[in-house]
């Protein structure tokens, strides 16, 4: 089974997806980390990047765990720039499809349910109010709004909710409540309790 969790920055995708994957006994993939890894790799051809995921859901680039190295503000900015490149998006989307092609996964991103895995058994669109998302990210609301506009207006794989996605507004909700809702939806769609 594949659970696709999409939504804008600061909606809680990573936290919810990782916890839902653990609760379901599924593997976890943070697609945004792949764009950050591409940024860390510099101008290398994205189709040549050796990207994999360890059993704990940590991204590996060329066999090395890059979790801390890809979480800097500079890498985040470069990842956003690289994500707007159709060649980068195509290469990383293909690698994501290869990774999640077998087994049970929870994958989070901005275009998983629309571009990467439109046939996912469960699609969830997480969102929250702009002030809440800015607070969570520790940045001004204008910065989050600009990121939303950039992600939603790009020509290739824009950030939009899949027509059949279940919308969940996380504003003011405890993480556990959101995770329980995603897990319940997955089980309704056939996920086996583990």
N, C-alpha and C. Protein backbone atom coordinates (compact mmCIF):
# COMPACT_ATOMS: atom_id res chain seq x y z
N UNK A 1 0.85 -1.19 0.00
CA UNK A 1 0.00 0.00 0.00
C UNK A 1 0.88 1.24 0.00
N UNK A 2 0.42 2.25 -0.68
CA UNK A 2 1.13 3.53 -0.72
C UNK A 2 0.21 4.63 -0.18
N UNK A 3 0.70 5.35 0.83
CA UNK A 3 0.00 6.50 1.40
C UNK A 3 0.79 7.73 0.98
N UNK A 4 0.16 8.63 0.25
CA UNK A 4 0.78 9.87 -0.22
C UNK A 4 0.28 11.02 0.64
N UNK A 5 1.21 11.73 1.27
CA UNK A 5 0.84 12.88 2.10
C UNK A 5 1.48 14.11 1.48
N UNK A 6 0.65 14.98 0.96
CA UNK A 6 1.11 16.21 0.32
C UNK A 6 0.60 17.42 1.09
N UNK A 7 1.17 18.58 0.76
CA UNK A 7 0.71 19.82 1.35
C UNK A 7 1.82 20.85 1.35
N UNK A 8 1.49 22.06 1.75
CA UNK A 8 2.47 23.15 1.75
C UNK A 8 3.45 23.05 2.91
N UNK A 9 4.48 23.88 2.85
CA UNK A 9 5.50 23.94 3.90
C UNK A 9 4.85 24.27 5.25
N UNK A 10 5.27 23.55 6.28
CA UNK A 10 4.80 23.84 7.63
C UNK A 10 3.47 23.22 8.00
N UNK A 11 2.93 22.38 7.12
CA UNK A 11 1.64 21.75 7.41
C UNK A 11 1.77 20.58 8.37
N UNK A 12 2.99 20.08 8.55
CA UNK A 12 3.22 18.96 9.44
C UNK A 12 3.45 17.64 8.71
N UNK A 13 3.72 17.72 7.42
CA UNK A 13 3.85 16.51 6.61
C UNK A 13 4.90 15.53 7.15
N UNK A 14 6.10 16.02 7.40
CA UNK A 14 7.19 15.12 7.82
C UNK A 14 6.87 14.45 9.15
N UNK A 15 6.45 15.22 10.12
CA UNK A 15 6.15 14.68 11.44
C UNK A 15 5.03 13.65 11.36
N UNK A 16 3.97 14.00 10.66
CA UNK A 16 2.81 13.11 10.56
C UNK A 16 3.16 11.87 9.73
N UNK A 17 3.83 12.05 8.61
CA UNK A 17 4.15 10.92 7.74
C UNK A 17 5.06 9.93 8.44
N UNK A 18 6.09 10.42 9.12
CA UNK A 18 7.03 9.53 9.81
C UNK A 18 6.30 8.74 10.91
N UNK A 19 5.46 9.43 11.69
CA UNK A 19 4.74 8.76 12.77
C UNK A 19 3.69 7.79 12.23
N UNK A 20 3.01 8.16 11.15
CA UNK A 20 2.02 7.26 10.55
C UNK A 20 2.70 6.01 10.00
N UNK A 21 3.85 6.19 9.36
CA UNK A 21 4.59 5.03 8.84
C UNK A 21 4.97 4.09 9.98
N UNK A 22 5.45 4.65 11.09
CA UNK A 22 5.82 3.81 12.23
C UNK A 22 4.60 3.07 12.78
N UNK A 23 3.47 3.77 12.90
CA UNK A 23 2.26 3.16 13.45
C UNK A 23 1.73 2.05 12.55
N UNK A 24 1.90 2.21 11.25
CA UNK A 24 1.41 1.21 10.30
C UNK A 24 2.42 0.10 10.02
N UNK A 25 3.67 0.32 10.41
CA UNK A 25 4.72 -0.64 10.08
C UNK A 25 5.17 -0.51 8.64
N UNK A 26 4.99 0.68 8.05
CA UNK A 26 5.37 0.96 6.66
C UNK A 26 6.74 1.63 6.64
N UNK A 27 7.35 1.65 5.48
CA UNK A 27 8.57 2.43 5.28
C UNK A 27 8.18 3.88 5.02
N UNK A 28 9.13 4.78 5.25
CA UNK A 28 8.87 6.22 5.14
C UNK A 28 9.83 6.84 4.14
N UNK A 29 9.29 7.74 3.29
CA UNK A 29 10.12 8.49 2.36
C UNK A 29 9.74 9.95 2.41
N UNK A 30 10.75 10.78 2.66
CA UNK A 30 10.61 12.24 2.64
C UNK A 30 11.12 12.69 1.26
N UNK A 31 10.21 12.96 0.34
CA UNK A 31 10.64 13.32 -1.02
C UNK A 31 11.40 14.64 -1.03
N UNK A 32 11.06 15.55 -0.12
CA UNK A 32 11.76 16.82 -0.06
C UNK A 32 13.24 16.64 0.27
N UNK A 33 13.55 15.62 1.05
CA UNK A 33 14.96 15.34 1.38
C UNK A 33 15.74 14.99 0.12
N UNK A 34 15.05 14.39 -0.85
CA UNK A 34 15.74 14.05 -2.10
C UNK A 34 16.14 15.31 -2.86
N UNK A 35 15.28 16.33 -2.84
CA UNK A 35 15.62 17.60 -3.49
C UNK A 35 16.75 18.30 -2.73
N UNK A 36 16.74 18.18 -1.42
CA UNK A 36 17.82 18.75 -0.63
C UNK A 36 19.14 18.03 -0.93
N UNK A 37 19.06 16.71 -1.08
CA UNK A 37 20.27 15.94 -1.42
C UNK A 37 20.79 16.34 -2.80
N UNK A 38 19.88 16.59 -3.73
CA UNK A 38 20.30 17.05 -5.05
C UNK A 38 20.99 18.41 -4.95
N UNK A 39 20.48 19.25 -4.06
CA UNK A 39 21.12 20.55 -3.84
C UNK A 39 22.51 20.37 -3.23
N UNK A 40 22.62 19.45 -2.27
CA UNK A 40 23.91 19.18 -1.64
C UNK A 40 24.92 18.65 -2.66
N UNK A 41 24.42 17.88 -3.63
CA UNK A 41 25.30 17.30 -4.65
C UNK A 41 25.77 18.33 -5.67
N UNK A 42 25.26 19.55 -5.58
CA UNK A 42 25.68 20.61 -6.50
C UNK A 42 25.05 20.43 -7.87
N UNK A 43 25.81 20.67 -8.88
CA UNK A 43 25.26 20.64 -10.24
C UNK A 43 25.36 19.27 -10.91
N UNK A 44 25.59 18.23 -10.12
CA UNK A 44 25.61 16.88 -10.70
C UNK A 44 24.28 16.58 -11.38
N UNK A 45 24.35 15.81 -12.42
CA UNK A 45 23.15 15.36 -13.13
C UNK A 45 22.29 14.57 -12.14
N UNK A 46 21.05 15.01 -11.88
CA UNK A 46 20.24 14.35 -10.86
C UNK A 46 19.93 12.88 -11.19
N UNK A 47 19.98 12.53 -12.46
CA UNK A 47 19.70 11.14 -12.82
C UNK A 47 20.86 10.21 -12.44
N UNK A 48 22.02 10.77 -12.09
CA UNK A 48 23.17 9.95 -11.71
C UNK A 48 23.34 9.85 -10.20
N UNK A 49 22.48 10.51 -9.43
CA UNK A 49 22.61 10.48 -7.97
C UNK A 49 22.22 9.11 -7.43
N UNK A 50 23.04 8.60 -6.53
CA UNK A 50 22.74 7.33 -5.86
C UNK A 50 21.96 7.67 -4.58
N UNK A 51 20.63 7.65 -4.70
CA UNK A 51 19.75 7.98 -3.58
C UNK A 51 19.03 6.72 -3.11
N UNK A 52 19.10 6.46 -1.80
CA UNK A 52 18.40 5.32 -1.23
C UNK A 52 17.90 5.71 0.16
N UNK A 53 17.14 4.81 0.77
CA UNK A 53 16.56 5.07 2.08
C UNK A 53 16.91 3.91 2.99
N UNK A 54 17.44 4.21 4.18
CA UNK A 54 17.76 3.13 5.11
C UNK A 54 16.47 2.67 5.82
N UNK A 55 16.53 1.58 6.57
CA UNK A 55 15.31 1.07 7.22
C UNK A 55 14.64 2.04 8.18
N UNK A 56 15.38 3.04 8.68
CA UNK A 56 14.80 4.04 9.58
C UNK A 56 14.20 5.23 8.83
N UNK A 57 14.23 5.19 7.50
CA UNK A 57 13.68 6.28 6.71
C UNK A 57 14.66 7.40 6.45
N UNK A 58 15.93 7.20 6.80
CA UNK A 58 16.94 8.24 6.57
C UNK A 58 17.45 8.14 5.14
N UNK A 59 17.57 9.30 4.50
CA UNK A 59 18.04 9.35 3.12
C UNK A 59 19.55 9.17 3.06
N UNK A 60 19.96 8.38 2.08
CA UNK A 60 21.38 8.16 1.83
C UNK A 60 21.72 8.70 0.45
N UNK A 61 22.80 9.45 0.37
CA UNK A 61 23.34 9.95 -0.90
C UNK A 61 24.70 9.30 -1.08
N UNK A 62 24.85 8.56 -2.16
CA UNK A 62 26.10 7.84 -2.42
C UNK A 62 26.45 6.95 -1.23
N UNK A 63 25.42 6.36 -0.60
CA UNK A 63 25.64 5.43 0.51
C UNK A 63 25.87 6.08 1.86
N UNK A 64 25.88 7.41 1.92
CA UNK A 64 26.11 8.12 3.18
C UNK A 64 24.85 8.80 3.66
N UNK A 65 24.62 8.75 4.97
CA UNK A 65 23.47 9.45 5.56
C UNK A 65 23.75 10.94 5.53
N UNK A 66 22.79 11.72 5.03
CA UNK A 66 23.01 13.16 4.84
C UNK A 66 22.01 14.02 5.62
N UNK A 67 21.36 13.42 6.61
CA UNK A 67 20.30 14.10 7.35
C UNK A 67 20.63 15.50 7.82
N UNK A 68 21.73 15.68 8.55
CA UNK A 68 22.07 17.00 9.07
C UNK A 68 22.57 17.93 7.98
N UNK A 69 23.35 17.40 7.06
CA UNK A 69 23.95 18.24 6.00
C UNK A 69 22.90 18.88 5.11
N UNK A 70 21.73 18.25 4.96
CA UNK A 70 20.71 18.80 4.05
C UNK A 70 19.70 19.69 4.76
N UNK A 71 19.87 19.94 6.03
CA UNK A 71 18.90 20.72 6.80
C UNK A 71 19.34 22.15 7.08
N UNK A 72 20.25 22.68 6.29
CA UNK A 72 20.68 24.06 6.49
C UNK A 72 19.80 24.99 5.66
N UNK A 73 19.69 26.26 6.06
CA UNK A 73 18.91 27.22 5.27
C UNK A 73 19.43 27.36 3.83
N UNK A 74 20.73 27.30 3.65
CA UNK A 74 21.30 27.44 2.31
C UNK A 74 20.88 26.27 1.41
N UNK A 75 20.92 25.07 1.96
CA UNK A 75 20.51 23.90 1.18
C UNK A 75 19.01 23.97 0.89
N UNK A 76 18.23 24.43 1.85
CA UNK A 76 16.79 24.57 1.64
C UNK A 76 16.50 25.51 0.47
N UNK A 77 17.18 26.64 0.43
CA UNK A 77 16.98 27.60 -0.66
C UNK A 77 17.40 27.00 -2.00
N UNK A 78 18.53 26.33 -2.01
CA UNK A 78 19.01 25.72 -3.25
C UNK A 78 18.09 24.58 -3.68
N UNK A 79 17.56 23.83 -2.73
CA UNK A 79 16.64 22.74 -3.06
C UNK A 79 15.38 23.28 -3.72
N UNK A 80 14.88 24.40 -3.22
CA UNK A 80 13.69 25.01 -3.80
C UNK A 80 13.97 25.46 -5.23
N UNK A 81 15.16 26.02 -5.46
CA UNK A 81 15.53 26.44 -6.82
C UNK A 81 15.66 25.23 -7.74
N UNK A 82 16.32 24.17 -7.27
CA UNK A 82 16.51 22.98 -8.10
C UNK A 82 15.18 22.28 -8.38
N UNK A 83 14.26 22.34 -7.42
CA UNK A 83 12.97 21.67 -7.58
C UNK A 83 12.14 22.28 -8.70
N UNK A 84 12.43 23.52 -9.06
CA UNK A 84 11.70 24.17 -10.16
C UNK A 84 12.20 23.72 -11.53
N UNK A 85 13.32 23.01 -11.57
CA UNK A 85 13.91 22.54 -12.83
C UNK A 85 13.22 21.25 -13.26
N UNK A 86 12.54 21.25 -14.42
CA UNK A 86 11.82 20.04 -14.86
C UNK A 86 12.70 18.80 -14.96
N UNK A 87 13.95 18.95 -15.34
CA UNK A 87 14.83 17.78 -15.45
C UNK A 87 15.11 17.19 -14.08
N UNK A 88 15.30 18.04 -13.09
CA UNK A 88 15.53 17.57 -11.72
C UNK A 88 14.27 16.87 -11.21
N UNK A 89 13.11 17.50 -11.42
CA UNK A 89 11.86 16.91 -10.95
C UNK A 89 11.62 15.55 -11.60
N UNK A 90 11.85 15.46 -12.90
CA UNK A 90 11.62 14.20 -13.61
C UNK A 90 12.54 13.10 -13.09
N UNK A 91 13.82 13.42 -12.90
CA UNK A 91 14.78 12.42 -12.43
C UNK A 91 14.44 11.96 -11.01
N UNK A 92 14.11 12.89 -10.13
CA UNK A 92 13.83 12.52 -8.75
C UNK A 92 12.48 11.82 -8.61
N UNK A 93 11.50 12.23 -9.40
CA UNK A 93 10.20 11.54 -9.38
C UNK A 93 10.37 10.10 -9.83
N UNK A 94 11.18 9.87 -10.84
CA UNK A 94 11.43 8.50 -11.31
C UNK A 94 12.10 7.68 -10.22
N UNK A 95 13.08 8.27 -9.53
CA UNK A 95 13.75 7.54 -8.45
C UNK A 95 12.77 7.25 -7.31
N UNK A 96 11.89 8.20 -7.01
CA UNK A 96 10.88 7.97 -5.97
C UNK A 96 9.97 6.82 -6.36
N UNK A 97 9.55 6.76 -7.61
CA UNK A 97 8.70 5.65 -8.08
C UNK A 97 9.42 4.32 -7.93
N UNK A 98 10.71 4.29 -8.24
CA UNK A 98 11.49 3.06 -8.09
C UNK A 98 11.54 2.64 -6.62
N UNK A 99 11.80 3.58 -5.74
CA UNK A 99 11.92 3.27 -4.32
C UNK A 99 10.62 2.69 -3.75
N UNK A 100 9.50 3.29 -4.09
CA UNK A 100 8.22 2.89 -3.48
C UNK A 100 7.46 1.86 -4.31
N UNK A 101 8.11 1.34 -5.33
CA UNK A 101 7.45 0.38 -6.23
C UNK A 101 7.09 -0.93 -5.56
N UNK A 102 7.76 -1.28 -4.49
CA UNK A 102 7.48 -2.52 -3.79
C UNK A 102 7.33 -2.25 -2.31
N UNK A 103 6.43 -2.96 -1.69
CA UNK A 103 6.25 -2.83 -0.25
C UNK A 103 5.26 -1.74 0.12
N UNK A 104 5.16 -1.50 1.40
CA UNK A 104 4.22 -0.52 1.96
C UNK A 104 4.99 0.72 2.37
N UNK A 105 4.51 1.88 1.92
CA UNK A 105 5.21 3.14 2.14
C UNK A 105 4.25 4.25 2.54
N UNK A 106 4.76 5.18 3.32
CA UNK A 106 4.15 6.49 3.51
C UNK A 106 5.16 7.47 2.92
N UNK A 107 4.72 8.24 1.92
CA UNK A 107 5.60 9.18 1.22
C UNK A 107 5.01 10.57 1.36
N UNK A 108 5.88 11.52 1.71
CA UNK A 108 5.38 12.89 1.85
C UNK A 108 6.11 13.82 0.91
N UNK A 109 5.37 14.84 0.45
CA UNK A 109 5.94 15.82 -0.46
C UNK A 109 4.93 16.88 -0.84
N UNK A 110 5.05 17.36 -2.05
CA UNK A 110 4.12 18.37 -2.55
C UNK A 110 3.37 17.91 -3.79
N UNK A 111 3.89 16.84 -4.45
CA UNK A 111 3.23 16.37 -5.66
C UNK A 111 3.19 14.85 -5.74
N UNK A 112 3.21 14.19 -4.60
CA UNK A 112 3.22 12.73 -4.60
C UNK A 112 1.92 12.18 -5.18
N UNK A 113 0.79 12.67 -4.69
CA UNK A 113 -0.50 12.16 -5.14
C UNK A 113 -0.93 12.62 -6.52
N UNK A 114 -0.23 13.61 -7.07
CA UNK A 114 -0.61 14.10 -8.39
C UNK A 114 0.39 13.71 -9.48
N UNK A 115 1.69 13.71 -9.16
CA UNK A 115 2.70 13.48 -10.20
C UNK A 115 3.51 12.21 -9.99
N UNK A 116 3.89 11.93 -8.75
CA UNK A 116 4.77 10.79 -8.49
C UNK A 116 3.98 9.49 -8.43
N UNK A 117 2.89 9.47 -7.65
CA UNK A 117 2.11 8.25 -7.46
C UNK A 117 0.62 8.56 -7.50
N UNK A 118 0.11 8.94 -8.67
CA UNK A 118 -1.32 9.28 -8.75
C UNK A 118 -2.24 8.09 -8.48
N UNK A 119 -1.67 6.88 -8.45
CA UNK A 119 -2.47 5.69 -8.17
C UNK A 119 -2.35 5.23 -6.70
N UNK A 120 -1.80 6.08 -5.84
CA UNK A 120 -1.68 5.74 -4.41
C UNK A 120 -3.04 5.39 -3.84
N UNK A 121 -3.07 4.37 -2.99
CA UNK A 121 -4.34 3.93 -2.41
C UNK A 121 -4.95 4.97 -1.48
N UNK A 122 -4.11 5.78 -0.85
CA UNK A 122 -4.61 6.85 0.02
C UNK A 122 -3.80 8.11 -0.26
N UNK A 123 -4.51 9.19 -0.51
CA UNK A 123 -3.88 10.50 -0.70
C UNK A 123 -4.44 11.44 0.36
N UNK A 124 -3.53 12.11 1.06
CA UNK A 124 -3.92 13.04 2.12
C UNK A 124 -3.30 14.39 1.79
N UNK A 125 -4.11 15.43 1.90
CA UNK A 125 -3.62 16.80 1.72
C UNK A 125 -3.63 17.47 3.09
N UNK A 126 -2.43 17.64 3.67
CA UNK A 126 -2.31 18.32 4.96
C UNK A 126 -2.12 19.81 4.74
N UNK A 127 -2.80 20.59 5.52
CA UNK A 127 -2.60 22.04 5.46
C UNK A 127 -2.77 22.60 6.87
N UNK A 128 -2.53 23.87 7.00
CA UNK A 128 -2.75 24.61 8.24
C UNK A 128 -2.80 26.08 7.84
N UNK A 129 -3.26 26.91 8.75
CA UNK A 129 -3.34 28.34 8.44
C UNK A 129 -1.93 28.89 8.19
N UNK A 130 -1.86 29.96 7.42
CA UNK A 130 -0.57 30.59 7.12
C UNK A 130 0.16 31.01 8.40
N UNK A 131 -0.50 31.69 9.35
CA UNK A 131 0.21 32.06 10.58
C UNK A 131 0.74 30.84 11.35
N UNK A 132 -0.04 29.78 11.36
CA UNK A 132 0.38 28.56 12.07
C UNK A 132 1.59 27.94 11.38
N UNK A 133 1.58 27.87 10.07
CA UNK A 133 2.70 27.27 9.34
C UNK A 133 3.97 28.12 9.49
N UNK A 134 3.81 29.44 9.50
CA UNK A 134 4.97 30.32 9.70
C UNK A 134 5.53 30.13 11.11
N UNK A 135 4.66 30.01 12.09
CA UNK A 135 5.11 29.79 13.48
C UNK A 135 5.88 28.49 13.58
N UNK A 136 5.37 27.43 12.98
CA UNK A 136 6.03 26.13 13.03
C UNK A 136 7.41 26.16 12.39
N UNK A 137 7.54 26.93 11.35
CA UNK A 137 8.83 26.98 10.64
C UNK A 137 9.76 28.05 11.21
N UNK A 138 9.22 28.91 12.07
CA UNK A 138 10.04 29.94 12.68
C UNK A 138 10.48 31.02 11.71
N UNK A 139 9.61 31.32 10.74
CA UNK A 139 9.92 32.33 9.72
C UNK A 139 8.72 33.26 9.57
N UNK A 140 8.93 34.43 8.95
CA UNK A 140 7.79 35.34 8.72
C UNK A 140 6.76 34.70 7.78
N UNK A 141 5.50 35.07 7.99
CA UNK A 141 4.42 34.54 7.15
C UNK A 141 4.64 34.85 5.68
N UNK A 142 5.22 36.01 5.37
CA UNK A 142 5.47 36.36 3.97
C UNK A 142 6.41 35.36 3.29
N UNK A 143 7.38 34.86 4.05
CA UNK A 143 8.31 33.88 3.48
C UNK A 143 7.58 32.58 3.12
N UNK A 144 6.67 32.14 4.00
CA UNK A 144 5.89 30.94 3.74
C UNK A 144 4.95 31.17 2.57
N UNK A 145 4.33 32.34 2.52
CA UNK A 145 3.42 32.65 1.41
C UNK A 145 4.16 32.63 0.08
N UNK A 146 5.36 33.22 0.04
CA UNK A 146 6.15 33.22 -1.21
C UNK A 146 6.52 31.79 -1.62
N UNK A 147 6.86 30.97 -0.65
CA UNK A 147 7.18 29.56 -0.95
C UNK A 147 5.95 28.86 -1.52
N UNK A 148 4.78 29.09 -0.92
CA UNK A 148 3.54 28.51 -1.43
C UNK A 148 3.31 28.92 -2.88
N UNK A 149 3.47 30.21 -3.15
CA UNK A 149 3.24 30.71 -4.51
C UNK A 149 4.21 30.09 -5.50
N UNK A 150 5.47 29.99 -5.12
CA UNK A 150 6.49 29.40 -6.00
C UNK A 150 6.15 27.92 -6.26
N UNK A 151 5.81 27.18 -5.21
CA UNK A 151 5.51 25.76 -5.36
C UNK A 151 4.23 25.52 -6.17
N UNK A 152 3.24 26.37 -5.97
CA UNK A 152 1.95 26.18 -6.65
C UNK A 152 1.96 26.69 -8.09
N UNK A 153 2.90 27.57 -8.43
CA UNK A 153 2.87 28.17 -9.77
C UNK A 153 3.93 27.61 -10.71
N UNK A 154 4.77 26.69 -10.24
CA UNK A 154 5.79 26.16 -11.15
C UNK A 154 5.11 25.40 -12.29
N UNK A 155 5.72 25.43 -13.44
CA UNK A 155 5.13 24.83 -14.63
C UNK A 155 5.09 23.31 -14.55
N UNK A 156 6.10 22.72 -13.94
CA UNK A 156 6.21 21.26 -13.89
C UNK A 156 5.84 20.76 -12.50
N UNK A 157 4.83 19.92 -12.40
CA UNK A 157 4.39 19.34 -11.13
C UNK A 157 4.10 20.38 -10.04
N UNK A 158 3.18 21.29 -10.31
CA UNK A 158 2.86 22.29 -9.28
C UNK A 158 2.24 21.64 -8.04
N UNK A 159 2.37 22.31 -6.91
CA UNK A 159 1.79 21.83 -5.67
C UNK A 159 0.29 22.11 -5.68
N UNK A 160 -0.49 21.05 -5.84
CA UNK A 160 -1.95 21.12 -5.77
C UNK A 160 -2.44 19.84 -5.12
N UNK A 161 -3.59 19.93 -4.49
CA UNK A 161 -4.19 18.73 -3.90
C UNK A 161 -4.72 17.84 -5.01
N UNK A 162 -4.50 16.54 -4.88
CA UNK A 162 -5.10 15.59 -5.82
C UNK A 162 -6.61 15.66 -5.65
N UNK A 163 -7.37 15.51 -6.75
CA UNK A 163 -8.83 15.61 -6.64
C UNK A 163 -9.43 14.62 -5.64
N UNK A 164 -8.80 13.47 -5.47
CA UNK A 164 -9.34 12.45 -4.56
C UNK A 164 -8.61 12.41 -3.22
N UNK A 165 -7.86 13.47 -2.89
CA UNK A 165 -7.15 13.52 -1.60
C UNK A 165 -8.12 13.88 -0.47
N UNK A 166 -7.86 13.31 0.68
CA UNK A 166 -8.60 13.66 1.90
C UNK A 166 -7.90 14.87 2.50
N UNK A 167 -8.62 15.97 2.66
CA UNK A 167 -8.04 17.20 3.21
C UNK A 167 -8.09 17.17 4.73
N UNK A 168 -6.95 17.45 5.36
CA UNK A 168 -6.88 17.55 6.82
C UNK A 168 -6.21 18.86 7.19
N UNK A 169 -6.92 19.72 7.90
CA UNK A 169 -6.36 20.98 8.38
C UNK A 169 -5.80 20.72 9.77
N UNK A 170 -4.49 20.89 9.92
CA UNK A 170 -3.82 20.56 11.18
C UNK A 170 -3.73 21.74 12.14
N UNK A 171 -4.29 22.88 11.78
CA UNK A 171 -4.22 24.07 12.64
C UNK A 171 -4.76 23.74 14.03
N UNK A 172 -3.92 23.92 15.03
CA UNK A 172 -4.35 23.73 16.41
C UNK A 172 -4.54 22.29 16.84
N UNK A 173 -4.29 21.33 15.97
CA UNK A 173 -4.49 19.94 16.34
C UNK A 173 -3.20 19.32 16.88
N UNK A 174 -3.31 18.50 17.92
CA UNK A 174 -2.13 17.76 18.37
C UNK A 174 -1.68 16.79 17.27
N UNK A 175 -0.39 16.60 17.16
CA UNK A 175 0.16 15.71 16.13
C UNK A 175 -0.46 14.32 16.24
N UNK A 176 -0.61 13.81 17.45
CA UNK A 176 -1.15 12.46 17.62
C UNK A 176 -2.55 12.32 17.01
N UNK A 177 -3.37 13.36 17.11
CA UNK A 177 -4.71 13.31 16.53
C UNK A 177 -4.64 13.20 15.01
N UNK A 178 -3.74 13.95 14.40
CA UNK A 178 -3.60 13.92 12.94
C UNK A 178 -3.07 12.55 12.51
N UNK A 179 -2.07 12.05 13.22
CA UNK A 179 -1.51 10.73 12.90
C UNK A 179 -2.58 9.66 13.01
N UNK A 180 -3.37 9.70 14.08
CA UNK A 180 -4.43 8.70 14.25
C UNK A 180 -5.43 8.75 13.11
N UNK A 181 -5.73 9.94 12.63
CA UNK A 181 -6.67 10.08 11.51
C UNK A 181 -6.09 9.46 10.24
N UNK A 182 -4.81 9.73 9.97
CA UNK A 182 -4.17 9.17 8.77
C UNK A 182 -4.11 7.65 8.87
N UNK A 183 -3.75 7.13 10.03
CA UNK A 183 -3.67 5.68 10.24
C UNK A 183 -5.06 5.05 10.05
N UNK A 184 -6.09 5.69 10.61
CA UNK A 184 -7.45 5.17 10.45
C UNK A 184 -7.86 5.15 8.99
N UNK A 185 -7.53 6.20 8.25
CA UNK A 185 -7.85 6.24 6.81
C UNK A 185 -7.13 5.13 6.06
N UNK A 186 -5.86 4.91 6.40
CA UNK A 186 -5.09 3.85 5.74
C UNK A 186 -5.70 2.49 6.03
N UNK A 187 -6.10 2.27 7.26
CA UNK A 187 -6.70 0.97 7.61
C UNK A 187 -8.04 0.79 6.92
N UNK A 188 -8.80 1.88 6.78
CA UNK A 188 -10.07 1.79 6.05
C UNK A 188 -9.85 1.37 4.60
N UNK A 189 -8.69 1.74 4.06
CA UNK A 189 -8.38 1.44 2.66
C UNK A 189 -7.61 0.14 2.49
N UNK A 190 -7.48 -0.60 3.58
CA UNK A 190 -6.88 -1.92 3.45
C UNK A 190 -5.51 -2.13 4.06
N UNK A 191 -4.96 -1.13 4.75
CA UNK A 191 -3.66 -1.34 5.39
C UNK A 191 -3.84 -2.34 6.53
N UNK A 192 -2.91 -3.23 6.66
CA UNK A 192 -2.96 -4.24 7.70
C UNK A 192 -2.33 -3.69 8.96
N UNK A 193 -3.01 -3.82 10.09
CA UNK A 193 -2.44 -3.39 11.35
C UNK A 193 -1.23 -4.24 11.67
N UNK A 194 -0.14 -3.60 12.07
CA UNK A 194 1.11 -4.35 12.36
C UNK A 194 1.51 -4.18 13.80
